[in-house]
N, C-alpha and C. Protein backbone atom coordinates (compact mmCIF):
# COMPACT_ATOMS: atom_id res chain seq x y z
N MET A 1 -13.14 -8.30 9.76
CA MET A 1 -13.20 -6.90 9.94
C MET A 1 -12.88 -6.19 8.65
N GLU A 2 -13.53 -4.90 8.30
CA GLU A 2 -13.43 -4.31 7.22
C GLU A 2 -12.80 -2.94 7.34
N TYR A 3 -11.87 -2.47 6.80
CA TYR A 3 -11.22 -1.02 6.96
C TYR A 3 -11.33 -0.38 5.53
N VAL A 4 -11.58 0.90 5.71
CA VAL A 4 -11.58 1.72 4.52
C VAL A 4 -10.92 3.04 4.69
N SER A 5 -10.01 3.36 3.86
CA SER A 5 -9.20 4.58 4.17
C SER A 5 -8.85 5.22 2.95
N PRO A 6 -8.85 6.71 2.90
CA PRO A 6 -8.44 7.32 1.59
C PRO A 6 -6.95 7.51 1.59
N CYS A 7 -6.49 7.63 0.40
CA CYS A 7 -5.09 8.01 0.30
C CYS A 7 -4.87 9.41 0.74
N ARG A 8 -3.54 9.73 0.85
CA ARG A 8 -3.16 11.04 1.34
C ARG A 8 -3.68 12.17 0.37
N CYS A 9 -3.61 11.65 -0.87
CA CYS A 9 -4.22 12.64 -2.05
C CYS A 9 -5.75 12.97 -1.89
N GLY A 10 -6.55 11.99 -1.23
CA GLY A 10 -8.00 12.11 -1.28
C GLY A 10 -8.61 11.50 -2.37
N ASN A 11 -7.98 11.16 -3.29
CA ASN A 11 -8.57 10.79 -4.53
C ASN A 11 -8.59 9.10 -4.80
N GLU A 12 -7.94 8.48 -3.90
CA GLU A 12 -7.75 7.07 -4.06
C GLU A 12 -8.40 6.46 -2.60
N GLN A 13 -8.76 5.15 -2.73
CA GLN A 13 -9.27 4.56 -1.51
C GLN A 13 -8.79 3.12 -1.38
N VAL A 14 -8.51 2.68 -0.19
CA VAL A 14 -8.16 1.29 0.02
C VAL A 14 -8.97 0.73 0.95
N LYS A 15 -9.53 -0.50 0.42
CA LYS A 15 -10.43 -1.36 1.36
C LYS A 15 -9.52 -2.66 1.72
N LEU A 16 -9.64 -2.93 3.05
CA LEU A 16 -8.93 -3.92 3.67
C LEU A 16 -9.82 -4.93 4.37
N ALA A 17 -9.81 -6.19 4.00
CA ALA A 17 -10.82 -6.98 4.92
C ALA A 17 -9.82 -8.01 5.60
N LEU A 18 -9.83 -8.31 6.89
CA LEU A 18 -9.14 -9.11 7.67
C LEU A 18 -10.15 -10.05 8.52
N PRO A 19 -9.72 -11.18 8.81
CA PRO A 19 -10.46 -12.03 9.76
C PRO A 19 -10.48 -11.67 11.21
N SER A 20 -9.42 -10.95 11.53
CA SER A 20 -9.12 -10.50 13.06
C SER A 20 -8.99 -9.01 13.03
N PRO A 21 -9.25 -8.37 14.11
CA PRO A 21 -9.05 -6.98 14.26
C PRO A 21 -7.70 -6.48 13.89
N LEU A 22 -7.59 -5.44 13.24
CA LEU A 22 -6.17 -4.79 12.97
C LEU A 22 -5.30 -4.73 14.03
N GLN A 23 -5.60 -4.57 15.17
CA GLN A 23 -4.80 -4.36 16.08
C GLN A 23 -4.07 -5.67 16.63
N SER A 24 -4.53 -6.72 16.26
CA SER A 24 -4.05 -8.20 16.58
C SER A 24 -2.84 -8.40 15.67
N TYR A 25 -2.66 -7.75 14.52
CA TYR A 25 -1.36 -7.99 13.57
C TYR A 25 -0.16 -7.00 13.91
N GLN A 26 0.81 -7.59 13.70
CA GLN A 26 2.18 -6.85 13.95
C GLN A 26 2.77 -6.49 12.44
N SER A 27 2.94 -5.12 12.34
CA SER A 27 3.50 -4.84 11.09
C SER A 27 4.92 -5.15 11.08
N ARG A 28 5.45 -5.46 9.88
CA ARG A 28 6.88 -5.78 9.59
C ARG A 28 7.43 -4.77 8.54
N ALA A 29 8.56 -4.44 8.84
CA ALA A 29 9.38 -3.60 7.82
C ALA A 29 10.11 -4.38 6.88
N PHE A 30 10.14 -3.88 5.50
CA PHE A 30 11.04 -4.54 4.62
C PHE A 30 12.35 -4.17 4.80
N ASP A 31 13.48 -4.90 4.64
CA ASP A 31 14.64 -4.68 5.01
C ASP A 31 15.49 -4.42 3.74
N CYS A 32 15.02 -4.47 2.47
CA CYS A 32 15.86 -4.29 1.21
C CYS A 32 16.21 -2.73 1.11
N ASP A 33 17.03 -2.24 0.35
CA ASP A 33 17.30 -0.85 0.18
C ASP A 33 16.28 -0.09 -0.35
N PHE A 34 15.65 -0.62 -1.44
CA PHE A 34 14.53 0.08 -1.97
C PHE A 34 13.33 0.32 -1.12
N CYS A 35 12.98 -0.67 -0.25
CA CYS A 35 11.85 -0.59 0.65
C CYS A 35 12.12 0.29 1.90
N MET A 36 13.53 0.40 2.25
CA MET A 36 13.80 1.24 3.40
C MET A 36 13.82 2.63 2.98
N VAL A 37 14.13 2.90 1.72
CA VAL A 37 14.03 4.31 1.31
C VAL A 37 12.34 4.77 1.02
N GLN A 38 11.59 3.75 0.84
CA GLN A 38 10.13 4.05 0.55
C GLN A 38 9.32 3.93 2.07
N LYS A 39 10.19 3.47 2.92
CA LYS A 39 9.59 3.40 4.32
C LYS A 39 8.45 2.46 4.40
N ALA A 40 8.50 1.43 3.63
CA ALA A 40 7.49 0.40 3.34
C ALA A 40 7.36 -0.55 4.53
N ALA A 41 6.20 -0.88 4.90
CA ALA A 41 5.88 -1.79 6.01
C ALA A 41 4.56 -2.62 5.32
N TYR A 42 4.53 -3.97 6.10
CA TYR A 42 3.33 -4.74 5.52
C TYR A 42 2.78 -5.62 6.66
N LEU A 43 1.68 -6.13 6.51
CA LEU A 43 1.16 -7.16 7.47
C LEU A 43 0.60 -8.12 6.44
N SER A 44 0.35 -9.40 6.92
CA SER A 44 -0.25 -10.48 5.93
C SER A 44 -1.11 -11.48 6.77
N ASP A 45 -2.10 -11.86 6.02
CA ASP A 45 -2.98 -12.99 6.55
C ASP A 45 -3.41 -13.56 5.20
N PRO A 46 -3.31 -14.93 5.23
CA PRO A 46 -3.61 -15.71 4.14
C PRO A 46 -5.01 -15.55 3.47
N VAL A 47 -5.93 -15.09 4.48
CA VAL A 47 -7.35 -14.93 3.95
C VAL A 47 -7.70 -13.45 4.03
N GLY A 48 -6.82 -12.59 4.02
CA GLY A 48 -7.10 -11.15 3.90
C GLY A 48 -7.31 -10.70 2.45
N LYS A 49 -7.94 -9.73 2.36
CA LYS A 49 -8.22 -9.13 0.94
C LYS A 49 -8.07 -7.67 0.96
N LEU A 50 -7.21 -7.19 -0.03
CA LEU A 50 -6.85 -5.71 -0.25
C LEU A 50 -7.52 -5.41 -1.63
N GLU A 51 -8.07 -4.31 -1.58
CA GLU A 51 -8.70 -3.64 -2.88
C GLU A 51 -8.36 -2.21 -2.84
N VAL A 52 -7.79 -1.83 -4.06
CA VAL A 52 -7.32 -0.41 -4.13
C VAL A 52 -8.39 0.28 -5.19
N ILE A 53 -8.96 1.37 -4.85
CA ILE A 53 -9.85 1.95 -5.84
C ILE A 53 -9.29 3.39 -6.25
N TYR A 54 -9.04 3.57 -7.40
CA TYR A 54 -8.27 4.72 -7.95
C TYR A 54 -9.08 5.32 -9.01
N SER A 55 -8.84 6.69 -9.01
CA SER A 55 -9.60 7.50 -10.07
C SER A 55 -8.49 8.19 -11.08
N HIS A 56 -7.33 8.18 -10.76
CA HIS A 56 -6.18 8.85 -11.49
C HIS A 56 -5.24 7.70 -12.07
N LYS A 57 -4.48 8.28 -12.92
CA LYS A 57 -3.38 7.44 -13.29
C LYS A 57 -2.38 7.09 -12.30
N ARG A 58 -2.11 5.89 -12.39
CA ARG A 58 -1.00 5.37 -11.25
C ARG A 58 0.13 5.19 -11.90
N GLN A 59 1.36 5.03 -11.16
CA GLN A 59 2.59 4.91 -11.80
C GLN A 59 3.16 3.90 -10.89
N GLY A 60 3.77 2.86 -11.60
CA GLY A 60 4.33 1.64 -10.93
C GLY A 60 5.92 1.80 -10.86
N VAL A 61 6.40 1.58 -9.67
CA VAL A 61 7.77 1.61 -9.49
C VAL A 61 8.37 0.20 -9.16
N MET A 62 9.27 -0.31 -9.97
CA MET A 62 9.62 -1.68 -9.83
C MET A 62 10.65 -1.72 -8.84
N GLN A 63 10.62 -2.66 -7.82
CA GLN A 63 11.60 -2.82 -6.86
C GLN A 63 12.86 -3.49 -7.54
N ASP A 64 13.97 -3.22 -7.12
CA ASP A 64 15.23 -3.58 -7.65
C ASP A 64 15.25 -4.99 -8.04
N ALA A 65 14.94 -5.85 -7.14
CA ALA A 65 14.97 -7.53 -7.39
C ALA A 65 13.91 -7.77 -8.39
N LYS A 66 12.99 -6.97 -8.80
CA LYS A 66 11.98 -7.22 -9.66
C LYS A 66 10.99 -8.30 -9.13
N GLN A 67 10.71 -8.17 -7.84
CA GLN A 67 9.82 -8.93 -7.07
C GLN A 67 8.62 -8.35 -6.76
N ALA A 68 8.44 -6.99 -6.95
CA ALA A 68 7.27 -6.37 -6.48
C ALA A 68 7.32 -5.08 -7.27
N ILE A 69 5.93 -4.62 -7.40
CA ILE A 69 5.76 -3.37 -8.00
C ILE A 69 4.97 -2.49 -6.92
N PHE A 70 5.54 -1.24 -6.81
CA PHE A 70 4.80 -0.49 -5.77
C PHE A 70 4.07 0.59 -6.70
N TRP A 71 2.86 0.82 -6.48
CA TRP A 71 1.89 1.80 -7.24
C TRP A 71 1.71 2.96 -6.36
N HIS A 72 1.84 4.06 -6.95
CA HIS A 72 1.44 5.35 -6.46
C HIS A 72 1.00 6.31 -7.46
N VAL A 73 0.37 7.25 -6.94
CA VAL A 73 -0.24 8.38 -7.63
C VAL A 73 0.84 9.42 -7.87
N PRO A 74 1.27 9.86 -9.04
CA PRO A 74 2.29 10.91 -9.13
C PRO A 74 1.73 12.18 -8.43
N LYS A 75 2.89 12.81 -7.78
CA LYS A 75 2.44 14.06 -7.28
C LYS A 75 1.97 15.13 -8.32
N PRO A 76 1.17 16.04 -8.04
CA PRO A 76 0.92 17.01 -8.87
C PRO A 76 1.86 18.10 -9.13
N HIS A 77 2.14 18.58 -10.42
CA HIS A 77 3.11 19.65 -10.58
C HIS A 77 2.62 20.91 -10.28
N SER A 78 3.44 21.66 -9.46
CA SER A 78 2.87 22.93 -9.09
C SER A 78 3.53 24.03 -10.19
N GLY A 79 2.87 24.98 -10.60
CA GLY A 79 3.25 25.57 -11.63
C GLY A 79 2.57 26.91 -11.67
């Protein structure tokens, strides 16, 4: 099954390919302090594929234990 969704900003897109329907997976919450603040959740499948298509500069935020980088598009400055 393939899923495509835009980012909240509308400029980025995520493509997710999984062997089973999305509803058959159970999301899991990260329990470290960094991830809890970010409200991060995940699901996994060893044969799944995730593709992020971006058109703007991304900013990486390193998780405290240096095990993961979270990529996001910086919020536009209002001025």
